[in-house]
Amino acid sequence: MSHIINAEAEKIQAFVQHAERSMSVKTKDYIQFNNAVSKFMEEITMEQWLSLNKLDRVIQLVDEHFQEGDYDDCEDDDKGSSEEYYDE
């Protein structure tokens, strides 16, 4: 993610340098470029927000599972399966 954001920052720097050298860049071009960058950053933020919500949901499900006391069953299942591998 940091590489993507860094690439976007480099793109902004390149645009600004181009605009400083060229007198043909108009205000409309700045606005269009800014809108494109803003949209891209919003999409990245939304993607991260969705990932965070998924992670929160998984954590919630795990917490609910362990609060019900089912973790004892999981430990027994793990012990049984590992013993099978050592017997071979």
PDB file of N, CA and C in Angstrom:
ATOM      1  N   MET A   1       0.820  -1.187   0.000  1.00  0.00           N
ATOM      2  CA  MET A   1       0.000   0.000   0.000  1.00  0.00           C
ATOM      3  C   MET A   1       0.865   1.254   0.000  1.00  0.00           C
ATOM      4  N   SER A   2       1.930   1.219   0.776  1.00  0.00           N
ATOM      5  CA  SER A   2       2.807   2.399   0.829  1.00  0.00           C
ATOM      6  C   SER A   2       3.447   2.667  -0.533  1.00  0.00           C
ATOM      7  N   HIS A   3       3.739   1.611  -1.287  1.00  0.00           N
ATOM      8  CA  HIS A   3       4.332   1.791  -2.613  1.00  0.00           C
ATOM      9  C   HIS A   3       3.344   2.464  -3.565  1.00  0.00           C
ATOM     10  N   ILE A   4       2.095   2.106  -3.455  1.00  0.00           N
ATOM     11  CA  ILE A   4       1.065   2.704  -4.310  1.00  0.00           C
ATOM     12  C   ILE A   4       0.908   4.183  -3.982  1.00  0.00           C
ATOM     13  N   ILE A   5       0.847   4.504  -2.706  1.00  0.00           N
ATOM     14  CA  ILE A   5       0.709   5.902  -2.305  1.00  0.00           C
ATOM     15  C   ILE A   5       1.948   6.695  -2.690  1.00  0.00           C
ATOM     16  N   ASN A   6       3.123   6.095  -2.534  1.00  0.00           N
ATOM     17  CA  ASN A   6       4.362   6.771  -2.927  1.00  0.00           C
ATOM     18  C   ASN A   6       4.381   7.019  -4.439  1.00  0.00           C
ATOM     19  N   ALA A   7       3.924   6.058  -5.216  1.00  0.00           N
ATOM     20  CA  ALA A   7       3.869   6.241  -6.670  1.00  0.00           C
ATOM     21  C   ALA A   7       2.925   7.388  -7.036  1.00  0.00           C
ATOM     22  N   GLU A   8       1.830   7.497  -6.303  1.00  0.00           N
ATOM     23  CA  GLU A   8       0.891   8.591  -6.562  1.00  0.00           C
ATOM     24  C   GLU A   8       1.540   9.928  -6.209  1.00  0.00           C
ATOM     25  N   ALA A   9       2.301   9.961  -5.126  1.00  0.00           N
ATOM     26  CA  ALA A   9       3.006  11.195  -4.746  1.00  0.00           C
ATOM     27  C   ALA A   9       4.035  11.583  -5.805  1.00  0.00           C
ATOM     28  N   GLU A  10       4.737  10.605  -6.346  1.00  0.00           N
ATOM     29  CA  GLU A  10       5.707  10.883  -7.413  1.00  0.00           C
ATOM     30  C   GLU A  10       5.010  11.404  -8.670  1.00  0.00           C
ATOM     31  N   LYS A  11       3.835  10.875  -8.934  1.00  0.00           N
ATOM     32  CA  LYS A  11       3.059  11.350 -10.089  1.00  0.00           C
ATOM     33  C   LYS A  11       2.666  12.814  -9.888  1.00  0.00           C
ATOM     34  N   ILE A  12       2.294  13.169  -8.673  1.00  0.00           N
ATOM     35  CA  ILE A  12       1.934  14.560  -8.369  1.00  0.00           C
ATOM     36  C   ILE A  12       3.158  15.466  -8.556  1.00  0.00           C
ATOM     37  N   GLN A  13       4.300  15.014  -8.049  1.00  0.00           N
ATOM     38  CA  GLN A  13       5.524  15.807  -8.192  1.00  0.00           C
ATOM     39  C   GLN A  13       5.880  16.004  -9.661  1.00  0.00           C
ATOM     40  N   ALA A  14       5.739  14.958 -10.447  1.00  0.00           N
ATOM     41  CA  ALA A  14       6.038  15.070 -11.880  1.00  0.00           C
ATOM     42  C   ALA A  14       5.093  16.049 -12.563  1.00  0.00           C
ATOM     43  N   PHE A  15       3.825  16.020 -12.175  1.00  0.00           N
ATOM     44  CA  PHE A  15       2.861  16.950 -12.766  1.00  0.00           C
ATOM     45  C   PHE A  15       3.209  18.388 -12.404  1.00  0.00           C
ATOM     46  N   VAL A  16       3.563  18.619 -11.153  1.00  0.00           N
ATOM     47  CA  VAL A  16       3.907  19.976 -10.717  1.00  0.00           C
ATOM     48  C   VAL A  16       5.159  20.466 -11.440  1.00  0.00           C
ATOM     49  N   GLN A  17       6.160  19.612 -11.571  1.00  0.00           N
ATOM     50  CA  GLN A  17       7.370  20.001 -12.289  1.00  0.00           C
ATOM     51  C   GLN A  17       7.057  20.320 -13.743  1.00  0.00           C
ATOM     52  N   HIS A  18       6.232  19.502 -14.360  1.00  0.00           N
ATOM     53  CA  HIS A  18       5.830  19.756 -15.749  1.00  0.00           C
ATOM     54  C   HIS A  18       5.093  21.084 -15.861  1.00  0.00           C
ATOM     55  N   ALA A  19       4.202  21.331 -14.907  1.00  0.00           N
ATOM     56  CA  ALA A  19       3.419  22.568 -14.933  1.00  0.00           C
ATOM     57  C   ALA A  19       4.308  23.789 -14.746  1.00  0.00           C
ATOM     58  N   GLU A  20       5.356  23.671 -13.932  1.00  0.00           N
ATOM     59  CA  GLU A  20       6.274  24.802 -13.718  1.00  0.00           C
ATOM     60  C   GLU A  20       7.075  25.124 -14.976  1.00  0.00           C
ATOM     61  N   ARG A  21       7.442  24.081 -15.740  1.00  0.00           N
ATOM     62  CA  ARG A  21       8.235  24.290 -16.958  1.00  0.00           C
ATOM     63  C   ARG A  21       7.380  24.727 -18.136  1.00  0.00           C
ATOM     64  N   SER A  22       6.151  24.266 -18.149  1.00  0.00           N
ATOM     65  CA  SER A  22       5.273  24.534 -19.285  1.00  0.00           C
ATOM     66  C   SER A  22       4.277  25.633 -18.921  1.00  0.00           C
ATOM     67  N   MET A  23       4.150  26.552 -19.790  1.00  0.00           N
ATOM     68  CA  MET A  23       3.177  27.627 -19.561  1.00  0.00           C
ATOM     69  C   MET A  23       1.801  27.251 -20.132  1.00  0.00           C
ATOM     70  N   SER A  24       1.677  26.061 -20.677  1.00  0.00           N
ATOM     71  CA  SER A  24       0.407  25.672 -21.291  1.00  0.00           C
ATOM     72  C   SER A  24      -0.553  24.982 -20.324  1.00  0.00           C
ATOM     73  N   VAL A  25      -0.118  24.728 -19.076  1.00  0.00           N
ATOM     74  CA  VAL A  25      -0.991  24.075 -18.099  1.00  0.00           C
ATOM     75  C   VAL A  25      -1.946  25.121 -17.543  1.00  0.00           C
ATOM     76  N   LYS A  26      -3.223  24.826 -17.685  1.00  0.00           N
ATOM     77  CA  LYS A  26      -4.251  25.769 -17.264  1.00  0.00           C
ATOM     78  C   LYS A  26      -4.861  25.335 -15.936  1.00  0.00           C
ATOM     79  N   THR A  27      -5.612  26.225 -15.358  1.00  0.00           N
ATOM     80  CA  THR A  27      -6.282  25.938 -14.090  1.00  0.00           C
ATOM     81  C   THR A  27      -7.168  24.704 -14.219  1.00  0.00           C
ATOM     82  N   LYS A  28      -7.809  24.563 -15.347  1.00  0.00           N
ATOM     83  CA  LYS A  28      -8.674  23.411 -15.598  1.00  0.00           C
ATOM     84  C   LYS A  28      -7.875  22.103 -15.495  1.00  0.00           C
ATOM     85  N   ASP A  29      -6.636  22.121 -15.987  1.00  0.00           N
ATOM     86  CA  ASP A  29      -5.768  20.936 -15.913  1.00  0.00           C
ATOM     87  C   ASP A  29      -5.431  20.588 -14.468  1.00  0.00           C
ATOM     88  N   TYR A  30      -5.159  21.618 -13.664  1.00  0.00           N
ATOM     89  CA  TYR A  30      -4.888  21.382 -12.232  1.00  0.00           C
ATOM     90  C   TYR A  30      -6.106  20.755 -11.546  1.00  0.00           C
ATOM     91  N   ILE A  31      -7.258  21.282 -11.851  1.00  0.00           N
ATOM     92  CA  ILE A  31      -8.491  20.785 -11.225  1.00  0.00           C
ATOM     93  C   ILE A  31      -8.755  19.342 -11.635  1.00  0.00           C
ATOM     94  N   GLN A  32      -8.595  19.034 -12.912  1.00  0.00           N
ATOM     95  CA  GLN A  32      -8.803  17.662 -13.384  1.00  0.00           C
ATOM     96  C   GLN A  32      -7.802  16.705 -12.743  1.00  0.00           C
ATOM     97  N   PHE A  33      -6.558  17.125 -12.666  1.00  0.00           N
ATOM     98  CA  PHE A  33      -5.537  16.282 -12.051  1.00  0.00           C
ATOM     99  C   PHE A  33      -5.844  16.066 -10.569  1.00  0.00           C
ATOM    100  N   ASN A  34      -6.206  17.133  -9.885  1.00  0.00           N
ATOM    101  CA  ASN A  34      -6.550  17.043  -8.469  1.00  0.00           C
ATOM    102  C   ASN A  34      -7.738  16.107  -8.255  1.00  0.00           C
ATOM    103  N   ASN A  35      -8.733  16.201  -9.094  1.00  0.00           N
ATOM    104  CA  ASN A  35      -9.903  15.318  -8.976  1.00  0.00           C
ATOM    105  C   ASN A  35      -9.519  13.861  -9.180  1.00  0.00           C
ATOM    106  N   ALA A  36      -8.629  13.603 -10.126  1.00  0.00           N
ATOM    107  CA  ALA A  36      -8.195  12.221 -10.375  1.00  0.00           C
ATOM    108  C   ALA A  36      -7.434  11.668  -9.171  1.00  0.00           C
ATOM    109  N   VAL A  37      -6.548  12.479  -8.604  1.00  0.00           N
ATOM    110  CA  VAL A  37      -5.783  12.050  -7.430  1.00  0.00           C
ATOM    111  C   VAL A  37      -6.719  11.837  -6.252  1.00  0.00           C
ATOM    112  N   SER A  38      -7.644  12.743  -6.052  1.00  0.00           N
ATOM    113  CA  SER A  38      -8.601  12.619  -4.942  1.00  0.00           C
ATOM    114  C   SER A  38      -9.434  11.356  -5.067  1.00  0.00           C
ATOM    115  N   LYS A  39      -9.900  11.071  -6.268  1.00  0.00           N
ATOM    116  CA  LYS A  39     -10.704   9.869  -6.483  1.00  0.00           C
ATOM    117  C   LYS A  39      -9.886   8.610  -6.186  1.00  0.00           C
ATOM    118  N   PHE A  40      -8.653   8.601  -6.649  1.00  0.00           N
ATOM    119  CA  PHE A  40      -7.776   7.456  -6.406  1.00  0.00           C
ATOM    120  C   PHE A  40      -7.553   7.244  -4.914  1.00  0.00           C
ATOM    121  N   MET A  41      -7.267   8.318  -4.192  1.00  0.00           N
ATOM    122  CA  MET A  41      -7.025   8.207  -2.757  1.00  0.00           C
ATOM    123  C   MET A  41      -8.295   7.780  -2.010  1.00  0.00           C
ATOM    124  N   GLU A  42      -9.443   8.238  -2.460  1.00  0.00           N
ATOM    125  CA  GLU A  42     -10.709   7.804  -1.855  1.00  0.00           C
ATOM    126  C   GLU A  42     -10.919   6.308  -2.058  1.00  0.00           C
ATOM    127  N   GLU A  43     -10.582   5.816  -3.245  1.00  0.00           N
ATOM    128  CA  GLU A  43     -10.725   4.386  -3.520  1.00  0.00           C
ATOM    129  C   GLU A  43      -9.801   3.558  -2.624  1.00  0.00           C
ATOM    130  N   ILE A  44      -8.576   4.021  -2.433  1.00  0.00           N
ATOM    131  CA  ILE A  44      -7.639   3.322  -1.553  1.00  0.00           C
ATOM    132  C   ILE A  44      -8.168   3.319  -0.119  1.00  0.00           C
ATOM    133  N   THR A  45      -8.652   4.473   0.315  1.00  0.00           N
ATOM    134  CA  THR A  45      -9.188   4.587   1.668  1.00  0.00           C
ATOM    135  C   THR A  45     -10.390   3.663   1.849  1.00  0.00           C
ATOM    136  N   MET A  46     -11.258   3.616   0.881  1.00  0.00           N
ATOM    137  CA  MET A  46     -12.434   2.752   0.963  1.00  0.00           C
ATOM    138  C   MET A  46     -12.022   1.282   1.016  1.00  0.00           C
ATOM    139  N   GLU A  47     -11.045   0.909   0.232  1.00  0.00           N
ATOM    140  CA  GLU A  47     -10.553  -0.476   0.230  1.00  0.00           C
ATOM    141  C   GLU A  47      -9.991  -0.850   1.596  1.00  0.00           C
ATOM    142  N   GLN A  48      -9.235   0.061   2.187  1.00  0.00           N
ATOM    143  CA  GLN A  48      -8.680  -0.184   3.515  1.00  0.00           C
ATOM    144  C   GLN A  48      -9.778  -0.254   4.569  1.00  0.00           C
ATOM    145  N   TRP A  49     -10.780   0.595   4.439  1.00  0.00           N
ATOM    146  CA  TRP A  49     -11.903   0.595   5.373  1.00  0.00           C
ATOM    147  C   TRP A  49     -12.650  -0.734   5.297  1.00  0.00           C
ATOM    148  N   LEU A  50     -12.874  -1.230   4.097  1.00  0.00           N
ATOM    149  CA  LEU A  50     -13.554  -2.519   3.939  1.00  0.00           C
ATOM    150  C   LEU A  50     -12.726  -3.648   4.539  1.00  0.00           C
ATOM    151  N   SER A  51     -11.438  -3.611   4.335  1.00  0.00           N
ATOM    152  CA  SER A  51     -10.563  -4.635   4.918  1.00  0.00           C
ATOM    153  C   SER A  51     -10.588  -4.581   6.437  1.00  0.00           C
ATOM    154  N   LEU A  52     -10.582  -3.387   6.978  1.00  0.00           N
ATOM    155  CA  LEU A  52     -10.651  -3.235   8.431  1.00  0.00           C
ATOM    156  C   LEU A  52     -11.965  -3.780   8.978  1.00  0.00           C
ATOM    157  N   ASN A  53     -13.064  -3.509   8.287  1.00  0.00           N
ATOM    158  CA  ASN A  53     -14.359  -4.041   8.724  1.00  0.00           C
ATOM    159  C   ASN A  53     -14.378  -5.564   8.689  1.00  0.00           C
ATOM    160  N   LYS A  54     -13.775  -6.158   7.675  1.00  0.00           N
ATOM    161  CA  LYS A  54     -13.698  -7.614   7.606  1.00  0.00           C
ATOM    162  C   LYS A  54     -12.886  -8.169   8.766  1.00  0.00           C
ATOM    163  N   LEU A  55     -11.766  -7.530   9.052  1.00  0.00           N
ATOM    164  CA  LEU A  55     -10.929  -7.967  10.164  1.00  0.00           C
ATOM    165  C   LEU A  55     -11.666  -7.838  11.491  1.00  0.00           C
ATOM    166  N   ASP A  56     -12.369  -6.734  11.683  1.00  0.00           N
ATOM    167  CA  ASP A  56     -13.162  -6.558  12.905  1.00  0.00           C
ATOM    168  C   ASP A  56     -14.211  -7.646  13.052  1.00  0.00           C
ATOM    169  N   ARG A  57     -14.835  -8.011  11.954  1.00  0.00           N
ATOM    170  CA  ARG A  57     -15.863  -9.063  11.986  1.00  0.00           C
ATOM    171  C   ARG A  57     -15.240 -10.410  12.344  1.00  0.00           C
ATOM    172  N   VAL A  58     -14.094 -10.712  11.795  1.00  0.00           N
ATOM    173  CA  VAL A  58     -13.410 -11.974  12.118  1.00  0.00           C
ATOM    174  C   VAL A  58     -13.039 -12.008  13.594  1.00  0.00           C
ATOM    175  N   ILE A  59     -12.518 -10.899  14.096  1.00  0.00           N
ATOM    176  CA  ILE A  59     -12.164 -10.831  15.514  1.00  0.00           C
ATOM    177  C   ILE A  59     -13.398 -11.023  16.384  1.00  0.00           C
ATOM    178  N   GLN A  60     -14.490 -10.410  15.989  1.00  0.00           N
ATOM    179  CA  GLN A  60     -15.739 -10.561  16.730  1.00  0.00           C
ATOM    180  C   GLN A  60     -16.199 -12.021  16.733  1.00  0.00           C
ATOM    181  N   LEU A  61     -16.116 -12.681  15.597  1.00  0.00           N
ATOM    182  CA  LEU A  61     -16.526 -14.085  15.519  1.00  0.00           C
ATOM    183  C   LEU A  61     -15.627 -14.971  16.373  1.00  0.00           C
ATOM    184  N   VAL A  62     -14.339 -14.704  16.361  1.00  0.00           N
ATOM    185  CA  VAL A  62     -13.405 -15.480  17.183  1.00  0.00           C
ATOM    186  C   VAL A  62     -13.708 -15.254  18.664  1.00  0.00           C
ATOM    187  N   ASP A  63     -13.926 -14.007  19.046  1.00  0.00           N
ATOM    188  CA  ASP A  63     -14.263 -13.713  20.444  1.00  0.00           C
ATOM    189  C   ASP A  63     -15.545 -14.419  20.867  1.00  0.00           C
ATOM    190  N   GLU A  64     -16.564 -14.403  20.007  1.00  0.00           N
ATOM    191  CA  GLU A  64     -17.820 -15.087  20.320  1.00  0.00           C
ATOM    192  C   GLU A  64     -17.589 -16.587  20.461  1.00  0.00           C
ATOM    193  N   HIS A  65     -16.760 -17.133  19.615  1.00  0.00           N
ATOM    194  CA  HIS A  65     -16.475 -18.571  19.646  1.00  0.00           C
ATOM    195  C   HIS A  65     -15.809 -18.945  20.966  1.00  0.00           C
ATOM    196  N   PHE A  66     -14.829 -18.166  21.395  1.00  0.00           N
ATOM    197  CA  PHE A  66     -14.110 -18.481  22.626  1.00  0.00           C
ATOM    198  C   PHE A  66     -14.928 -18.179  23.869  1.00  0.00           C
ATOM    199  N   GLN A  67     -15.861 -17.249  23.802  1.00  0.00           N
ATOM    200  CA  GLN A  67     -16.715 -16.954  24.942  1.00  0.00           C
ATOM    201  C   GLN A  67     -17.701 -18.084  25.198  1.00  0.00           C
ATOM    202  N   GLU A  68     -18.028 -18.823  24.165  1.00  0.00           N
ATOM    203  CA  GLU A  68     -18.967 -19.936  24.310  1.00  0.00           C
ATOM    204  C   GLU A  68     -18.295 -21.163  24.909  1.00  0.00           C
ATOM    205  N   GLY A  69     -16.993 -21.139  25.059  1.00  0.00           N
ATOM    206  CA  GLY A  69     -16.292 -22.266  25.646  1.00  0.00           C
ATOM    207  C   GLY A  69     -15.950 -23.345  24.645  1.00  0.00           C
ATOM    208  N   ASP A  70     -16.081 -23.068  23.380  1.00  0.00           N
ATOM    209  CA  ASP A  70     -15.787 -24.066  22.353  1.00  0.00           C
ATOM    210  C   ASP A  70     -14.292 -24.262  22.153  1.00  0.00           C
ATOM    211  N   TYR A  71     -13.474 -23.434  22.751  1.00  0.00           N
ATOM    212  CA  TYR A  71     -12.034 -23.562  22.540  1.00  0.00           C
ATOM    213  C   TYR A  71     -11.502 -24.871  23.088  1.00  0.00           C
ATOM    214  N   ASP A  72     -12.186 -25.468  24.093  1.00  0.00           N
ATOM    215  CA  ASP A  72     -11.755 -26.770  24.602  1.00  0.00           C
ATOM    216  C   ASP A  72     -11.843 -27.822  23.508  1.00  0.00           C
ATOM    217  N   ASP A  73     -12.901 -27.759  22.704  1.00  0.00           N
ATOM    218  CA  ASP A  73     -13.066 -28.708  21.608  1.00  0.00           C
ATOM    219  C   ASP A  73     -11.958 -28.548  20.581  1.00  0.00           C
ATOM    220  N   CYS A  74     -11.555 -27.326  20.309  1.00  0.00           N
ATOM    221  CA  CYS A  74     -10.511 -27.073  19.323  1.00  0.00           C
ATOM    222  C   CYS A  74      -9.179 -27.658  19.790  1.00  0.00           C
ATOM    223  N   GLU A  75      -8.870 -27.501  21.070  1.00  0.00           N
ATOM    224  CA  GLU A  75      -7.608 -28.023  21.579  1.00  0.00           C
ATOM    225  C   GLU A  75      -7.581 -29.541  21.501  1.00  0.00           C
ATOM    226  N   ASP A  76      -8.702 -30.195  21.817  1.00  0.00           N
ATOM    227  CA  ASP A  76      -8.768 -31.648  21.738  1.00  0.00           C
ATOM    228  C   ASP A  76      -8.608 -32.121  20.303  1.00  0.00           C
ATOM    229  N   ASP A  77      -9.214 -31.410  19.361  1.00  0.00           N
ATOM    230  CA  ASP A  77      -9.093 -31.779  17.950  1.00  0.00           C
ATOM    231  C   ASP A  77      -7.649 -31.662  17.493  1.00  0.00           C
ATOM    232  N   ASP A  78      -6.967 -30.610  17.917  1.00  0.00           N
ATOM    233  CA  ASP A  78      -5.581 -30.410  17.512  1.00  0.00           C
ATOM    234  C   ASP A  78      -4.676 -31.497  18.072  1.00  0.00           C
ATOM    235  N   LYS A  79      -4.900 -31.888  19.310  1.00  0.00           N
ATOM    236  CA  LYS A  79      -4.057 -32.912  19.929  1.00  0.00           C
ATOM    237  C   LYS A  79      -4.239 -34.247  19.227  1.00  0.00           C
ATOM    238  N   GLY A  80      -5.456 -34.576  18.902  1.00  0.00           N
ATOM    239  CA  GLY A  80      -5.720 -35.856  18.242  1.00  0.00           C
ATOM    240  C   GLY A  80      -5.099 -35.923  16.869  1.00  0.00           C
ATOM    241  N   SER A  81      -5.168 -34.844  16.131  1.00  0.00           N
ATOM    242  CA  SER A  81      -4.631 -34.862  14.774  1.00  0.00           C
ATOM    243  C   SER A  81      -3.105 -34.887  14.791  1.00  0.00           C
ATOM    244  N   SER A  82      -2.478 -34.230  15.757  1.00  0.00           N
ATOM    245  CA  SER A  82      -1.017 -34.219  15.785  1.00  0.00           C
ATOM    246  C   SER A  82      -0.477 -35.587  16.203  1.00  0.00           C
ATOM    247  N   GLU A  83      -1.197 -36.289  17.081  1.00  0.00           N
ATOM    248  CA  GLU A  83      -0.742 -37.612  17.493  1.00  0.00           C
ATOM    249  C   GLU A  83      -0.779 -38.582  16.318  1.00  0.00           C
ATOM    250  N   GLU A  84      -1.757 -38.426  15.434  1.00  0.00           N
ATOM    251  CA  GLU A  84      -1.849 -39.303  14.263  1.00  0.00           C
ATOM    252  C   GLU A  84      -0.610 -39.151  13.389  1.00  0.00           C
ATOM    253  N   TYR A  85      -0.100 -37.951  13.249  1.00  0.00           N
ATOM    254  CA  TYR A  85       1.060 -37.723  12.399  1.00  0.00           C
ATOM    255  C   TYR A  85       2.333 -38.316  13.023  1.00  0.00           C
ATOM    256  N   TYR A  86       2.419 -38.264  14.337  1.00  0.00           N
ATOM    257  CA  TYR A  86       3.619 -38.802  14.986  1.00  0.00           C
ATOM    258  C   TYR A  86       3.634 -40.315  14.983  1.00  0.00           C
ATOM    259  N   ASP A  87       2.478 -40.970  14.907  1.00  0.00           N
ATOM    260  CA  ASP A  87       2.417 -42.416  14.910  1.00  0.00           C
ATOM    261  C   ASP A  87       2.962 -42.999  13.606  1.00  0.00           C
ATOM    262  N   GLU A  88       2.913 -42.252  12.543  1.00  0.00           N
ATOM    263  CA  GLU A  88       3.334 -42.762  11.231  1.00  0.00           C
ATOM    264  C   GLU A  88       4.790 -42.808  11.163  1.00  0.00           C
TER     265      GLU A  88
END
